[in-house]
């Protein structure tokens, strides 16, 4: 892999780590947004 590829792989690893650490909050935010959307459609 090129140096650019290695650099990108490092960034993607950091993004994955962040996502794994914040997964519960992300799921909660998605559920709240989905609930709001369902309320909007029901109105």
C-alpha atoms as a PDB file:
ATOM      1  CA  UNK A   1       0.000   0.000   0.000  1.00  0.00           C
ATOM      2  CA  UNK A   2       1.188   3.520  -0.704  1.00  0.00           C
ATOM      3  CA  UNK A   3       1.947   6.086   1.968  1.00  0.00           C
ATOM      4  CA  UNK A   4      -1.324   7.819   1.087  1.00  0.00           C
ATOM      5  CA  UNK A   5      -3.170   4.553   1.534  1.00  0.00           C
ATOM      6  CA  UNK A   6      -1.587   3.972   4.933  1.00  0.00           C
ATOM      7  CA  UNK A   7      -2.474   7.513   5.945  1.00  0.00           C
ATOM      8  CA  UNK A   8      -6.104   6.995   4.930  1.00  0.00           C
ATOM      9  CA  UNK A   9      -6.249   3.625   6.698  1.00  0.00           C
ATOM     10  CA  UNK A  10      -5.166   5.319   9.923  1.00  0.00           C
ATOM     11  CA  UNK A  11      -7.946   7.885   9.610  1.00  0.00           C
ATOM     12  CA  UNK A  12     -10.547   5.207   8.903  1.00  0.00           C
ATOM     13  CA  UNK A  13      -9.377   3.292  11.978  1.00  0.00           C
ATOM     14  CA  UNK A  14      -9.879   6.417  14.083  1.00  0.00           C
ATOM     15  CA  UNK A  15     -13.371   6.960  12.642  1.00  0.00           C
ATOM     16  CA  UNK A  16     -14.284   3.340  13.364  1.00  0.00           C
ATOM     17  CA  UNK A  17     -13.042   3.665  16.939  1.00  0.00           C
ATOM     18  CA  UNK A  18     -15.067   6.850  17.442  1.00  0.00           C
ATOM     19  CA  UNK A  19     -18.190   5.199  16.030  1.00  0.00           C
ATOM     20  CA  UNK A  20     -17.788   2.152  18.266  1.00  0.00           C
ATOM     21  CA  UNK A  21     -17.337   4.350  21.348  1.00  0.00           C
ATOM     22  CA  UNK A  22     -20.390   6.433  20.506  1.00  0.00           C
ATOM     23  CA  UNK A  23     -22.648   3.664  19.178  1.00  0.00           C
ATOM     24  CA  UNK A  24     -25.188   3.831  22.037  1.00  0.00           C
ATOM     25  CA  UNK A  25     -25.622   7.583  21.607  1.00  0.00           C
ATOM     26  CA  UNK A  26     -25.886   7.225  17.838  1.00  0.00           C
ATOM     27  CA  UNK A  27     -28.587   4.551  18.216  1.00  0.00           C
ATOM     28  CA  UNK A  28     -30.508   6.736  20.684  1.00  0.00           C
ATOM     29  CA  UNK A  29     -30.331   9.768  18.393  1.00  0.00           C
ATOM     30  CA  UNK A  30     -31.529   7.690  15.433  1.00  0.00           C
ATOM     31  CA  UNK A  31     -34.438   6.320  17.463  1.00  0.00           C
ATOM     32  CA  UNK A  32     -35.472   9.831  18.555  1.00  0.00           C
ATOM     33  CA  UNK A  33     -35.283  11.120  14.979  1.00  0.00           C
ATOM     34  CA  UNK A  34     -37.275   8.156  13.714  1.00  0.00           C
ATOM     35  CA  UNK A  35     -39.952   8.729  16.363  1.00  0.00           C
ATOM     36  CA  UNK A  36     -40.210  12.400  15.396  1.00  0.00           C
ATOM     37  CA  UNK A  37     -40.568  11.454  11.740  1.00  0.00           C
ATOM     38  CA  UNK A  38     -43.332   8.983  12.564  1.00  0.00           C
ATOM     39  CA  UNK A  39     -45.141  11.672  14.570  1.00  0.00           C
ATOM     40  CA  UNK A  40     -44.853  14.091  11.631  1.00  0.00           C
ATOM     41  CA  UNK A  41     -46.352  11.527   9.229  1.00  0.00           C
ATOM     42  CA  UNK A  42     -49.169  10.736  11.672  1.00  0.00           C
ATOM     43  CA  UNK A  43     -50.172  14.416  11.970  1.00  0.00           C
END
